[in-house]
Amino acid sequence: DIAELLGMTQSAISHQLRVLKNGRLVKFRKEGKTVYYSLDDEH
């Protein structure tokens, strides 16, 4: 969904999500084969 919204490849989005996750800015949860991302916390 993020890749479609931003007009980018899933690979490019995945790379940026990794940076955001390592910086503790986003978190994820798995539902079956789908991985959902959200902001890590209210901060």
PDB file of all heavy atoms in Angstrom:
ATOM      1  N   ASP A   1       0.827  -1.215   0.000  1.00  0.00           N
ATOM      2  CA  ASP A   1       0.000   0.000   0.000  1.00  0.00           C
ATOM      3  C   ASP A   1       0.860   1.263   0.000  1.00  0.00           C
ATOM      4  O   ASP A   1       0.564   2.222  -0.712  1.00  0.00           O
ATOM      5  CB  ASP A   1      -0.930   0.015   1.213  1.00  0.00           C
ATOM      6  CG  ASP A   1      -1.957  -1.107   1.188  1.00  0.00           C
ATOM      7  OD1 ASP A   1      -2.269  -1.607   0.093  1.00  0.00           O
ATOM      8  OD2 ASP A   1      -2.431  -1.481   2.275  1.00  0.00           O
ATOM      9  N   ILE A   2       1.909   1.259   0.798  1.00  0.00           N
ATOM     10  CA  ILE A   2       2.794   2.432   0.857  1.00  0.00           C
ATOM     11  C   ILE A   2       3.474   2.638  -0.498  1.00  0.00           C
ATOM     12  O   ILE A   2       3.556   3.763  -0.997  1.00  0.00           O
ATOM     13  CB  ILE A   2       3.839   2.284   1.978  1.00  0.00           C
ATOM     14  CG1 ILE A   2       3.155   2.194   3.340  1.00  0.00           C
ATOM     15  CG2 ILE A   2       4.825   3.452   1.949  1.00  0.00           C
ATOM     16  CD1 ILE A   2       4.094   1.779   4.479  1.00  0.00           C
ATOM     17  N   ALA A   3       3.934   1.541  -1.108  1.00  0.00           N
ATOM     18  CA  ALA A   3       4.592   1.627  -2.413  1.00  0.00           C
ATOM     19  C   ALA A   3       3.632   2.188  -3.464  1.00  0.00           C
ATOM     20  O   ALA A   3       4.009   3.058  -4.259  1.00  0.00           O
ATOM     21  CB  ALA A   3       5.109   0.253  -2.841  1.00  0.00           C
ATOM     22  N   GLU A   4       2.401   1.728  -3.453  1.00  0.00           N
ATOM     23  CA  GLU A   4       1.393   2.235  -4.403  1.00  0.00           C
ATOM     24  C   GLU A   4       1.110   3.715  -4.152  1.00  0.00           C
ATOM     25  O   GLU A   4       1.062   4.517  -5.077  1.00  0.00           O
ATOM     26  CB  GLU A   4       0.106   1.412  -4.266  1.00  0.00           C
ATOM     27  CG  GLU A   4      -1.035   1.900  -5.135  1.00  0.00           C
ATOM     28  CD  GLU A   4      -0.792   1.720  -6.629  1.00  0.00           C
ATOM     29  OE1 GLU A   4       0.021   0.851  -7.013  1.00  0.00           O
ATOM     30  OE2 GLU A   4      -1.419   2.462  -7.421  1.00  0.00           O
ATOM     31  N   LEU A   5       0.920   4.069  -2.891  1.00  0.00           N
ATOM     32  CA  LEU A   5       0.625   5.451  -2.537  1.00  0.00           C
ATOM     33  C   LEU A   5       1.727   6.404  -2.987  1.00  0.00           C
ATOM     34  O   LEU A   5       1.456   7.476  -3.527  1.00  0.00           O
ATOM     35  CB  LEU A   5       0.423   5.566  -1.020  1.00  0.00           C
ATOM     36  CG  LEU A   5       0.176   6.973  -0.469  1.00  0.00           C
ATOM     37  CD1 LEU A   5      -1.149   7.529  -0.988  1.00  0.00           C
ATOM     38  CD2 LEU A   5       0.202   6.944   1.052  1.00  0.00           C
ATOM     39  N   LEU A   6       2.979   6.002  -2.786  1.00  0.00           N
ATOM     40  CA  LEU A   6       4.102   6.881  -3.090  1.00  0.00           C
ATOM     41  C   LEU A   6       4.669   6.695  -4.498  1.00  0.00           C
ATOM     42  O   LEU A   6       5.586   7.411  -4.894  1.00  0.00           O
ATOM     43  CB  LEU A   6       5.215   6.684  -2.052  1.00  0.00           C
ATOM     44  CG  LEU A   6       4.824   6.962  -0.603  1.00  0.00           C
ATOM     45  CD1 LEU A   6       6.034   6.811   0.318  1.00  0.00           C
ATOM     46  CD2 LEU A   6       4.202   8.341  -0.443  1.00  0.00           C
ATOM     47  N   GLY A   7       4.125   5.721  -5.241  1.00  0.00           N
ATOM     48  CA  GLY A   7       4.598   5.488  -6.607  1.00  0.00           C
ATOM     49  C   GLY A   7       6.033   4.990  -6.635  1.00  0.00           C
ATOM     50  O   GLY A   7       6.824   5.386  -7.501  1.00  0.00           O
ATOM     51  N   MET A   8       6.361   4.112  -5.712  1.00  0.00           N
ATOM     52  CA  MET A   8       7.721   3.581  -5.611  1.00  0.00           C
ATOM     53  C   MET A   8       7.667   2.059  -5.584  1.00  0.00           C
ATOM     54  O   MET A   8       6.604   1.469  -5.417  1.00  0.00           O
ATOM     55  CB  MET A   8       8.401   4.115  -4.343  1.00  0.00           C
ATOM     56  CG  MET A   8       8.554   5.621  -4.323  1.00  0.00           C
ATOM     57  SD  MET A   8       9.252   6.225  -2.776  1.00  0.00           S
ATOM     58  CE  MET A   8      10.916   5.591  -2.889  1.00  0.00           C
ATOM     59  N   THR A   9       8.823   1.432  -5.714  1.00  0.00           N
ATOM     60  CA  THR A   9       8.868  -0.029  -5.658  1.00  0.00           C
ATOM     61  C   THR A   9       8.796  -0.490  -4.208  1.00  0.00           C
ATOM     62  O   THR A   9       9.161   0.242  -3.286  1.00  0.00           O
ATOM     63  CB  THR A   9      10.180  -0.574  -6.274  1.00  0.00           C
ATOM     64  OG1 THR A   9      11.284  -0.140  -5.470  1.00  0.00           O
ATOM     65  CG2 THR A   9      10.349  -0.106  -7.717  1.00  0.00           C
ATOM     66  N   GLN A  10       8.324  -1.714  -4.029  1.00  0.00           N
ATOM     67  CA  GLN A  10       8.273  -2.288  -2.687  1.00  0.00           C
ATOM     68  C   GLN A  10       9.681  -2.393  -2.103  1.00  0.00           C
ATOM     69  O   GLN A  10       9.870  -2.197  -0.906  1.00  0.00           O
ATOM     70  CB  GLN A  10       7.616  -3.667  -2.731  1.00  0.00           C
ATOM     71  CG  GLN A  10       6.133  -3.610  -2.972  1.00  0.00           C
ATOM     72  CD  GLN A  10       5.500  -4.977  -2.884  1.00  0.00           C
ATOM     73  OE1 GLN A  10       5.905  -5.814  -2.066  1.00  0.00           O
ATOM     74  NE2 GLN A  10       4.493  -5.213  -3.714  1.00  0.00           N
ATOM     75  N   SER A  11      10.664  -2.661  -2.950  1.00  0.00           N
ATOM     76  CA  SER A  11      12.043  -2.764  -2.493  1.00  0.00           C
ATOM     77  C   SER A  11      12.539  -1.435  -1.921  1.00  0.00           C
ATOM     78  O   SER A  11      13.178  -1.401  -0.855  1.00  0.00           O
ATOM     79  CB  SER A  11      12.941  -3.200  -3.651  1.00  0.00           C
ATOM     80  OG  SER A  11      14.280  -3.225  -3.258  1.00  0.00           O
ATOM     81  N   ALA A  12      12.237  -0.343  -2.614  1.00  0.00           N
ATOM     82  CA  ALA A  12      12.661   0.985  -2.143  1.00  0.00           C
ATOM     83  C   ALA A  12      11.967   1.335  -0.827  1.00  0.00           C
ATOM     84  O   ALA A  12      12.599   1.862   0.099  1.00  0.00           O
ATOM     85  CB  ALA A  12      12.364   2.044  -3.202  1.00  0.00           C
ATOM     86  N   ILE A  13      10.682   1.029  -0.738  1.00  0.00           N
ATOM     87  CA  ILE A  13       9.932   1.304   0.491  1.00  0.00           C
ATOM     88  C   ILE A  13      10.462   0.441   1.625  1.00  0.00           C
ATOM     89  O   ILE A  13      10.657   0.919   2.749  1.00  0.00           O
ATOM     90  CB  ILE A  13       8.418   1.065   0.282  1.00  0.00           C
ATOM     91  CG1 ILE A  13       7.851   2.055  -0.732  1.00  0.00           C
ATOM     92  CG2 ILE A  13       7.665   1.128   1.604  1.00  0.00           C
ATOM     93  CD1 ILE A  13       7.971   3.515  -0.338  1.00  0.00           C
ATOM     94  N   SER A  14      10.735  -0.827   1.335  1.00  0.00           N
ATOM     95  CA  SER A  14      11.251  -1.742   2.345  1.00  0.00           C
ATOM     96  C   SER A  14      12.581  -1.240   2.915  1.00  0.00           C
ATOM     97  O   SER A  14      12.806  -1.299   4.131  1.00  0.00           O
ATOM     98  CB  SER A  14      11.430  -3.126   1.728  1.00  0.00           C
ATOM     99  OG  SER A  14      11.950  -4.021   2.669  1.00  0.00           O
ATOM    100  N   HIS A  15      13.437  -0.728   2.045  1.00  0.00           N
ATOM    101  CA  HIS A  15      14.724  -0.184   2.502  1.00  0.00           C
ATOM    102  C   HIS A  15      14.504   0.985   3.465  1.00  0.00           C
ATOM    103  O   HIS A  15      15.133   1.047   4.529  1.00  0.00           O
ATOM    104  CB  HIS A  15      15.559   0.268   1.303  1.00  0.00           C
ATOM    105  CG  HIS A  15      16.777   1.044   1.695  1.00  0.00           C
ATOM    106  ND1 HIS A  15      17.886   0.447   2.250  1.00  0.00           N
ATOM    107  CD2 HIS A  15      17.033   2.367   1.644  1.00  0.00           C
ATOM    108  CE1 HIS A  15      18.784   1.385   2.517  1.00  0.00           C
ATOM    109  NE2 HIS A  15      18.294   2.551   2.161  1.00  0.00           N
ATOM    110  N   GLN A  16      13.614   1.895   3.111  1.00  0.00           N
ATOM    111  CA  GLN A  16      13.351   3.052   3.968  1.00  0.00           C
ATOM    112  C   GLN A  16      12.665   2.644   5.270  1.00  0.00           C
ATOM    113  O   GLN A  16      12.953   3.213   6.336  1.00  0.00           O
ATOM    114  CB  GLN A  16      12.516   4.101   3.222  1.00  0.00           C
ATOM    115  CG  GLN A  16      13.195   4.684   2.000  1.00  0.00           C
ATOM    116  CD  GLN A  16      14.512   5.366   2.306  1.00  0.00           C
ATOM    117  OE1 GLN A  16      14.771   5.779   3.427  1.00  0.00           O
ATOM    118  NE2 GLN A  16      15.355   5.497   1.295  1.00  0.00           N
ATOM    119  N   LEU A  17      11.787   1.659   5.204  1.00  0.00           N
ATOM    120  CA  LEU A  17      11.138   1.164   6.422  1.00  0.00           C
ATOM    121  C   LEU A  17      12.169   0.546   7.365  1.00  0.00           C
ATOM    122  O   LEU A  17      12.058   0.670   8.585  1.00  0.00           O
ATOM    123  CB  LEU A  17      10.041   0.154   6.082  1.00  0.00           C
ATOM    124  CG  LEU A  17       8.744   0.754   5.546  1.00  0.00           C
ATOM    125  CD1 LEU A  17       7.867  -0.338   4.952  1.00  0.00           C
ATOM    126  CD2 LEU A  17       8.001   1.512   6.637  1.00  0.00           C
ATOM    127  N   ARG A  18      13.185  -0.104   6.801  1.00  0.00           N
ATOM    128  CA  ARG A  18      14.242  -0.682   7.630  1.00  0.00           C
ATOM    129  C   ARG A  18      14.981   0.419   8.396  1.00  0.00           C
ATOM    130  O   ARG A  18      15.257   0.288   9.593  1.00  0.00           O
ATOM    131  CB  ARG A  18      15.234  -1.466   6.760  1.00  0.00           C
ATOM    132  CG  ARG A  18      16.241  -2.276   7.541  1.00  0.00           C
ATOM    133  CD  ARG A  18      17.148  -3.146   6.664  1.00  0.00           C
ATOM    134  NE  ARG A  18      16.404  -3.932   5.705  1.00  0.00           N
ATOM    135  CZ  ARG A  18      16.403  -3.701   4.362  1.00  0.00           C
ATOM    136  NH1 ARG A  18      17.114  -2.716   3.856  1.00  0.00           N
ATOM    137  NH2 ARG A  18      15.703  -4.462   3.555  1.00  0.00           N
ATOM    138  N   VAL A  19      15.281   1.523   7.711  1.00  0.00           N
ATOM    139  CA  VAL A  19      15.934   2.657   8.374  1.00  0.00           C
ATOM    140  C   VAL A  19      15.035   3.210   9.477  1.00  0.00           C
ATOM    141  O   VAL A  19      15.491   3.472  10.597  1.00  0.00           O
ATOM    142  CB  VAL A  19      16.291   3.764   7.351  1.00  0.00           C
ATOM    143  CG1 VAL A  19      16.811   5.015   8.042  1.00  0.00           C
ATOM    144  CG2 VAL A  19      17.302   3.249   6.328  1.00  0.00           C
ATOM    145  N   LEU A  20      13.757   3.367   9.170  1.00  0.00           N
ATOM    146  CA  LEU A  20      12.804   3.889  10.155  1.00  0.00           C
ATOM    147  C   LEU A  20      12.643   2.931  11.336  1.00  0.00           C
ATOM    148  O   LEU A  20      12.546   3.366  12.489  1.00  0.00           O
ATOM    149  CB  LEU A  20      11.447   4.153   9.500  1.00  0.00           C
ATOM    150  CG  LEU A  20      11.420   5.309   8.498  1.00  0.00           C
ATOM    151  CD1 LEU A  20      10.130   5.285   7.684  1.00  0.00           C
ATOM    152  CD2 LEU A  20      11.595   6.642   9.208  1.00  0.00           C
ATOM    153  N   LYS A  21      12.633   1.635  11.059  1.00  0.00           N
ATOM    154  CA  LYS A  21      12.508   0.633  12.122  1.00  0.00           C
ATOM    155  C   LYS A  21      13.754   0.637  13.003  1.00  0.00           C
ATOM    156  O   LYS A  21      13.652   0.602  14.230  1.00  0.00           O
ATOM    157  CB  LYS A  21      12.289  -0.753  11.516  1.00  0.00           C
ATOM    158  CG  LYS A  21      12.074  -1.841  12.545  1.00  0.00           C
ATOM    159  CD  LYS A  21      11.814  -3.171  11.840  1.00  0.00           C
ATOM    160  CE  LYS A  21      11.960  -4.326  12.774  1.00  0.00           C
ATOM    161  NZ  LYS A  21      13.332  -4.579  13.196  1.00  0.00           N
ATOM    162  N   ASN A  22      14.931   0.697  12.393  1.00  0.00           N
ATOM    163  CA  ASN A  22      16.183   0.733  13.169  1.00  0.00           C
ATOM    164  C   ASN A  22      16.267   1.990  14.028  1.00  0.00           C
ATOM    165  O   ASN A  22      16.884   1.970  15.094  1.00  0.00           O
ATOM    166  CB  ASN A  22      17.399   0.631  12.252  1.00  0.00           C
ATOM    167  CG  ASN A  22      17.550  -0.748  11.647  1.00  0.00           C
ATOM    168  OD1 ASN A  22      17.002  -1.730  12.143  1.00  0.00           O
ATOM    169  ND2 ASN A  22      18.283  -0.836  10.554  1.00  0.00           N
ATOM    170  N   GLY A  23      15.647   3.066  13.586  1.00  0.00           N
ATOM    171  CA  GLY A  23      15.602   4.305  14.349  1.00  0.00           C
ATOM    172  C   GLY A  23      14.461   4.344  15.348  1.00  0.00           C
ATOM    173  O   GLY A  23      14.231   5.362  15.991  1.00  0.00           O
ATOM    174  N   ARG A  24      13.747   3.240  15.464  1.00  0.00           N
ATOM    175  CA  ARG A  24      12.605   3.099  16.378  1.00  0.00           C
ATOM    176  C   ARG A  24      11.505   4.120  16.091  1.00  0.00           C
ATOM    177  O   ARG A  24      10.848   4.616  16.991  1.00  0.00           O
ATOM    178  CB  ARG A  24      13.077   3.179  17.832  1.00  0.00           C
ATOM    179  CG  ARG A  24      13.999   2.039  18.204  1.00  0.00           C
ATOM    180  CD  ARG A  24      14.529   2.062  19.623  1.00  0.00           C
ATOM    181  NE  ARG A  24      13.670   2.704  20.578  1.00  0.00           N
ATOM    182  CZ  ARG A  24      14.091   3.642  21.432  1.00  0.00           C
ATOM    183  NH1 ARG A  24      15.332   4.045  21.429  1.00  0.00           N
ATOM    184  NH2 ARG A  24      13.247   4.183  22.302  1.00  0.00           N
ATOM    185  N   LEU A  25      11.311   4.407  14.809  1.00  0.00           N
ATOM    186  CA  LEU A  25      10.245   5.332  14.420  1.00  0.00           C
ATOM    187  C   LEU A  25       9.012   4.597  13.917  1.00  0.00           C
ATOM    188  O   LEU A  25       7.915   5.148  13.951  1.00  0.00           O
ATOM    189  CB  LEU A  25      10.754   6.312  13.362  1.00  0.00           C
ATOM    190  CG  LEU A  25      11.891   7.220  13.821  1.00  0.00           C
ATOM    191  CD1 LEU A  25      12.396   8.072  12.672  1.00  0.00           C
ATOM    192  CD2 LEU A  25      11.434   8.100  14.974  1.00  0.00           C
ATOM    193  N   VAL A  26       9.186   3.381  13.417  1.00  0.00           N
ATOM    194  CA  VAL A  26       8.048   2.562  13.005  1.00  0.00           C
ATOM    195  C   VAL A  26       8.174   1.173  13.626  1.00  0.00           C
ATOM    196  O   VAL A  26       9.265   0.742  14.007  1.00  0.00           O
ATOM    197  CB  VAL A  26       7.920   2.427  11.459  1.00  0.00           C
ATOM    198  CG1 VAL A  26       7.736   3.773  10.802  1.00  0.00           C
ATOM    199  CG2 VAL A  26       9.086   1.680  10.865  1.00  0.00           C
ATOM    200  N   LYS A  27       7.039   0.507  13.707  1.00  0.00           N
ATOM    201  CA  LYS A  27       6.986  -0.875  14.175  1.00  0.00           C
ATOM    202  C   LYS A  27       6.110  -1.643  13.196  1.00  0.00           C
ATOM    203  O   LYS A  27       5.460  -1.047  12.325  1.00  0.00           O
ATOM    204  CB  LYS A  27       6.425  -0.951  15.592  1.00  0.00           C
ATOM    205  CG  LYS A  27       5.003  -0.443  15.720  1.00  0.00           C
ATOM    206  CD  LYS A  27       4.527  -0.443  17.155  1.00  0.00           C
ATOM    207  CE  LYS A  27       3.124   0.150  17.237  1.00  0.00           C
ATOM    208  NZ  LYS A  27       2.656   0.270  18.606  1.00  0.00           N
ATOM    209  N   PHE A  28       6.092  -2.946  13.315  1.00  0.00           N
ATOM    210  CA  PHE A  28       5.265  -3.746  12.402  1.00  0.00           C
ATOM    211  C   PHE A  28       4.571  -4.864  13.158  1.00  0.00           C
ATOM    212  O   PHE A  28       4.951  -5.227  14.261  1.00  0.00           O
ATOM    213  CB  PHE A  28       6.122  -4.321  11.266  1.00  0.00           C
ATOM    214  CG  PHE A  28       7.106  -5.364  11.711  1.00  0.00           C
ATOM    215  CD1 PHE A  28       6.760  -6.706  11.722  1.00  0.00           C
ATOM    216  CD2 PHE A  28       8.374  -5.010  12.136  1.00  0.00           C
ATOM    217  CE1 PHE A  28       7.659  -7.676  12.129  1.00  0.00           C
ATOM    218  CE2 PHE A  28       9.286  -5.958  12.553  1.00  0.00           C
ATOM    219  CZ  PHE A  28       8.924  -7.299  12.549  1.00  0.00           C
ATOM    220  N   ARG A  29       3.540  -5.355  12.505  1.00  0.00           N
ATOM    221  CA  ARG A  29       2.847  -6.544  12.994  1.00  0.00           C
ATOM    222  C   ARG A  29       2.504  -7.393  11.781  1.00  0.00           C
ATOM    223  O   ARG A  29       2.273  -6.869  10.688  1.00  0.00           O
ATOM    224  CB  ARG A  29       1.595  -6.189  13.795  1.00  0.00           C
ATOM    225  CG  ARG A  29       0.473  -5.617  12.977  1.00  0.00           C
ATOM    226  CD  ARG A  29      -0.806  -5.430  13.803  1.00  0.00           C
ATOM    227  NE  ARG A  29      -1.862  -4.918  12.947  1.00  0.00           N
ATOM    228  CZ  ARG A  29      -2.670  -5.669  12.196  1.00  0.00           C
ATOM    229  NH1 ARG A  29      -2.556  -6.981  12.203  1.00  0.00           N
ATOM    230  NH2 ARG A  29      -3.607  -5.118  11.448  1.00  0.00           N
ATOM    231  N   LYS A  30       2.498  -8.700  11.967  1.00  0.00           N
ATOM    232  CA  LYS A  30       2.187  -9.617  10.875  1.00  0.00           C
ATOM    233  C   LYS A  30       0.765 -10.131  11.040  1.00  0.00           C
ATOM    234  O   LYS A  30       0.315 -10.441  12.141  1.00  0.00           O
ATOM    235  CB  LYS A  30       3.155 -10.797  10.862  1.00  0.00           C
ATOM    236  CG  LYS A  30       4.563 -10.410  10.497  1.00  0.00           C
ATOM    237  CD  LYS A  30       5.458 -11.627  10.450  1.00  0.00           C
ATOM    238  CE  LYS A  30       6.872 -11.208  10.072  1.00  0.00           C
ATOM    239  NZ  LYS A  30       7.751 -12.374   9.964  1.00  0.00           N
ATOM    240  N   GLU A  31       0.075 -10.201   9.912  1.00  0.00           N
ATOM    241  CA  GLU A  31      -1.256 -10.789   9.868  1.00  0.00           C
ATOM    242  C   GLU A  31      -1.249 -11.729   8.673  1.00  0.00           C
ATOM    243  O   GLU A  31      -1.371 -11.283   7.530  1.00  0.00           O
ATOM    244  CB  GLU A  31      -2.313  -9.699   9.704  1.00  0.00           C
ATOM    245  CG  GLU A  31      -3.729 -10.193   9.892  1.00  0.00           C
ATOM    246  CD  GLU A  31      -4.728  -9.055   9.880  1.00  0.00           C
ATOM    247  OE1 GLU A  31      -4.706  -8.225  10.811  1.00  0.00           O
ATOM    248  OE2 GLU A  31      -5.516  -8.990   8.903  1.00  0.00           O
ATOM    249  N   GLY A  32      -1.054 -13.023   8.957  1.00  0.00           N
ATOM    250  CA  GLY A  32      -0.884 -13.982   7.870  1.00  0.00           C
ATOM    251  C   GLY A  32       0.412 -13.677   7.129  1.00  0.00           C
ATOM    252  O   GLY A  32       1.478 -13.583   7.726  1.00  0.00           O
ATOM    253  N   LYS A  33       0.302 -13.469   5.810  1.00  0.00           N
ATOM    254  CA  LYS A  33       1.475 -13.156   4.992  1.00  0.00           C
ATOM    255  C   LYS A  33       1.701 -11.656   4.841  1.00  0.00           C
ATOM    256  O   LYS A  33       2.663 -11.230   4.222  1.00  0.00           O
ATOM    257  CB  LYS A  33       1.324 -13.789   3.609  1.00  0.00           C
ATOM    258  CG  LYS A  33       1.333 -15.294   3.632  1.00  0.00           C
ATOM    259  CD  LYS A  33       1.231 -15.856   2.238  1.00  0.00           C
ATOM    260  CE  LYS A  33       1.270 -17.375   2.271  1.00  0.00           C
ATOM    261  NZ  LYS A  33       1.225 -17.953   0.925  1.00  0.00           N
ATOM    262  N   THR A  34       0.823 -10.870   5.412  1.00  0.00           N
ATOM    263  CA  THR A  34       0.909  -9.414   5.259  1.00  0.00           C
ATOM    264  C   THR A  34       1.560  -8.794   6.496  1.00  0.00           C
ATOM    265  O   THR A  34       1.255  -9.171   7.631  1.00  0.00           O
ATOM    266  CB  THR A  34      -0.500  -8.811   5.064  1.00  0.00           C
ATOM    267  OG1 THR A  34      -1.135  -9.473   3.962  1.00  0.00           O
ATOM    268  CG2 THR A  34      -0.417  -7.328   4.771  1.00  0.00           C
ATOM    269  N   VAL A  35       2.444  -7.839   6.249  1.00  0.00           N
ATOM    270  CA  VAL A  35       3.118  -7.113   7.326  1.00  0.00           C
ATOM    271  C   VAL A  35       2.616  -5.674   7.312  1.00  0.00           C
ATOM    272  O   VAL A  35       2.731  -4.983   6.292  1.00  0.00           O
ATOM    273  CB  VAL A  35       4.658  -7.148   7.150  1.00  0.00           C
ATOM    274  CG1 VAL A  35       5.338  -6.376   8.265  1.00  0.00           C
ATOM    275  CG2 VAL A  35       5.159  -8.579   7.086  1.00  0.00           C
ATOM    276  N   TYR A  36       2.054  -5.244   8.421  1.00  0.00           N
ATOM    277  CA  TYR A  36       1.528  -3.890   8.553  1.00  0.00           C
ATOM    278  C   TYR A  36       2.491  -3.036   9.379  1.00  0.00           C
ATOM    279  O   TYR A  36       2.957  -3.475  10.436  1.00  0.00           O
ATOM    280  CB  TYR A  36       0.154  -3.901   9.223  1.00  0.00           C
ATOM    281  CG  TYR A  36      -0.917  -4.511   8.366  1.00  0.00           C
ATOM    282  CD1 TYR A  36      -1.262  -5.849   8.502  1.00  0.00           C
ATOM    283  CD2 TYR A  36      -1.583  -3.744   7.416  1.00  0.00           C
ATOM    284  CE1 TYR A  36      -2.256  -6.419   7.711  1.00  0.00           C
ATOM    285  CE2 TYR A  36      -2.577  -4.296   6.622  1.00  0.00           C
ATOM    286  CZ  TYR A  36      -2.897  -5.636   6.769  1.00  0.00           C
ATOM    287  OH  TYR A  36      -3.879  -6.191   5.981  1.00  0.00           O
ATOM    288  N   TYR A  37       2.742  -1.836   8.904  1.00  0.00           N
ATOM    289  CA  TYR A  37       3.608  -0.895   9.603  1.00  0.00           C
ATOM    290  C   TYR A  37       2.782   0.237  10.201  1.00  0.00           C
ATOM    291  O   TYR A  37       1.761   0.634   9.641  1.00  0.00           O
ATOM    292  CB  TYR A  37       4.662  -0.315   8.655  1.00  0.00           C
ATOM    293  CG  TYR A  37       5.760  -1.295   8.357  1.00  0.00           C
ATOM    294  CD1 TYR A  37       5.619  -2.233   7.337  1.00  0.00           C
ATOM    295  CD2 TYR A  37       6.925  -1.311   9.116  1.00  0.00           C
ATOM    296  CE1 TYR A  37       6.624  -3.159   7.075  1.00  0.00           C
ATOM    297  CE2 TYR A  37       7.932  -2.235   8.868  1.00  0.00           C
ATOM    298  CZ  TYR A  37       7.774  -3.148   7.850  1.00  0.00           C
ATOM    299  OH  TYR A  37       8.756  -4.071   7.597  1.00  0.00           O
ATOM    300  N   SER A  38       3.261   0.744  11.329  1.00  0.00           N
ATOM    301  CA  SER A  38       2.644   1.902  11.978  1.00  0.00           C
ATOM    302  C   SER A  38       3.751   2.674  12.695  1.00  0.00           C
ATOM    303  O   SER A  38       4.878   2.186  12.834  1.00  0.00           O
ATOM    304  CB  SER A  38       1.572   1.452  12.975  1.00  0.00           C
ATOM    305  OG  SER A  38       2.142   0.637  13.975  1.00  0.00           O
ATOM    306  N   LEU A  39       3.414   3.872  13.145  1.00  0.00           N
ATOM    307  CA  LEU A  39       4.381   4.645  13.910  1.00  0.00           C
ATOM    308  C   LEU A  39       4.678   3.919  15.216  1.00  0.00           C
ATOM    309  O   LEU A  39       3.789   3.298  15.801  1.00  0.00           O
ATOM    310  CB  LEU A  39       3.855   6.054  14.184  1.00  0.00           C
ATOM    311  CG  LEU A  39       3.584   6.915  12.956  1.00  0.00           C
ATOM    312  CD1 LEU A  39       3.143   8.319  13.371  1.00  0.00           C
ATOM    313  CD2 LEU A  39       4.795   6.993  12.037  1.00  0.00           C
ATOM    314  N   ASP A  40       5.908   3.983  15.667  1.00  0.00           N
ATOM    315  CA  ASP A  40       6.331   3.207  16.834  1.00  0.00           C
ATOM    316  C   ASP A  40       5.594   3.595  18.106  1.00  0.00           C
ATOM    317  O   ASP A  40       5.214   2.736  18.890  1.00  0.00           O
ATOM    318  CB  ASP A  40       7.841   3.344  17.046  1.00  0.00           C
ATOM    319  CG  ASP A  40       8.348   2.395  18.098  1.00  0.00           C
ATOM    320  OD1 ASP A  40       8.373   1.184  17.837  1.00  0.00           O
ATOM    321  OD2 ASP A  40       8.673   2.868  19.207  1.00  0.00           O
ATOM    322  N   ASP A  41       5.417   4.881  18.342  1.00  0.00           N
ATOM    323  CA  ASP A  41       4.669   5.328  19.520  1.00  0.00           C
ATOM    324  C   ASP A  41       4.184   6.757  19.295  1.00  0.00           C
ATOM    325  O   ASP A  41       4.429   7.351  18.246  1.00  0.00           O
ATOM    326  CB  ASP A  41       5.493   5.207  20.812  1.00  0.00           C
ATOM    327  CG  ASP A  41       6.766   6.035  20.801  1.00  0.00           C
ATOM    328  OD1 ASP A  41       6.819   7.064  20.107  1.00  0.00           O
ATOM    329  OD2 ASP A  41       7.714   5.669  21.506  1.00  0.00           O
ATOM    330  N   GLU A  42       3.496   7.286  20.302  1.00  0.00           N
ATOM    331  CA  GLU A  42       2.910   8.615  20.154  1.00  0.00           C
ATOM    332  C   GLU A  42       3.969   9.707  20.030  1.00  0.00           C
ATOM    333  O   GLU A  42       3.704  10.772  19.466  1.00  0.00           O
ATOM    334  CB  GLU A  42       1.958   8.929  21.316  1.00  0.00           C
ATOM    335  CG  GLU A  42       2.613   9.170  22.653  1.00  0.00           C
ATOM    336  CD  GLU A  42       3.002   7.917  23.435  1.00  0.00           C
ATOM    337  OE1 GLU A  42       2.676   6.797  23.008  1.00  0.00           O
ATOM    338  OE2 GLU A  42       3.651   8.073  24.480  1.00  0.00           O
ATOM    339  N   HIS A  43       5.190   9.451  20.507  1.00  0.00           N
ATOM    340  CA  HIS A  43       6.241  10.462  20.401  1.00  0.00           C
ATOM    341  C   HIS A  43       6.597  10.754  18.945  1.00  0.00           C
ATOM    342  O   HIS A  43       6.844  11.904  18.589  1.00  0.00           O
ATOM    343  CB  HIS A  43       7.512  10.019  21.146  1.00  0.00           C
ATOM    344  CG  HIS A  43       7.305   9.860  22.602  1.00  0.00           C
ATOM    345  ND1 HIS A  43       7.361   8.633  23.217  1.00  0.00           N
ATOM    346  CD2 HIS A  43       7.031  10.758  23.565  1.00  0.00           C
ATOM    347  CE1 HIS A  43       7.135   8.793  24.506  1.00  0.00           C
ATOM    348  NE2 HIS A  43       6.919  10.072  24.748  1.00  0.00           N
TER     349      HIS A  43
END
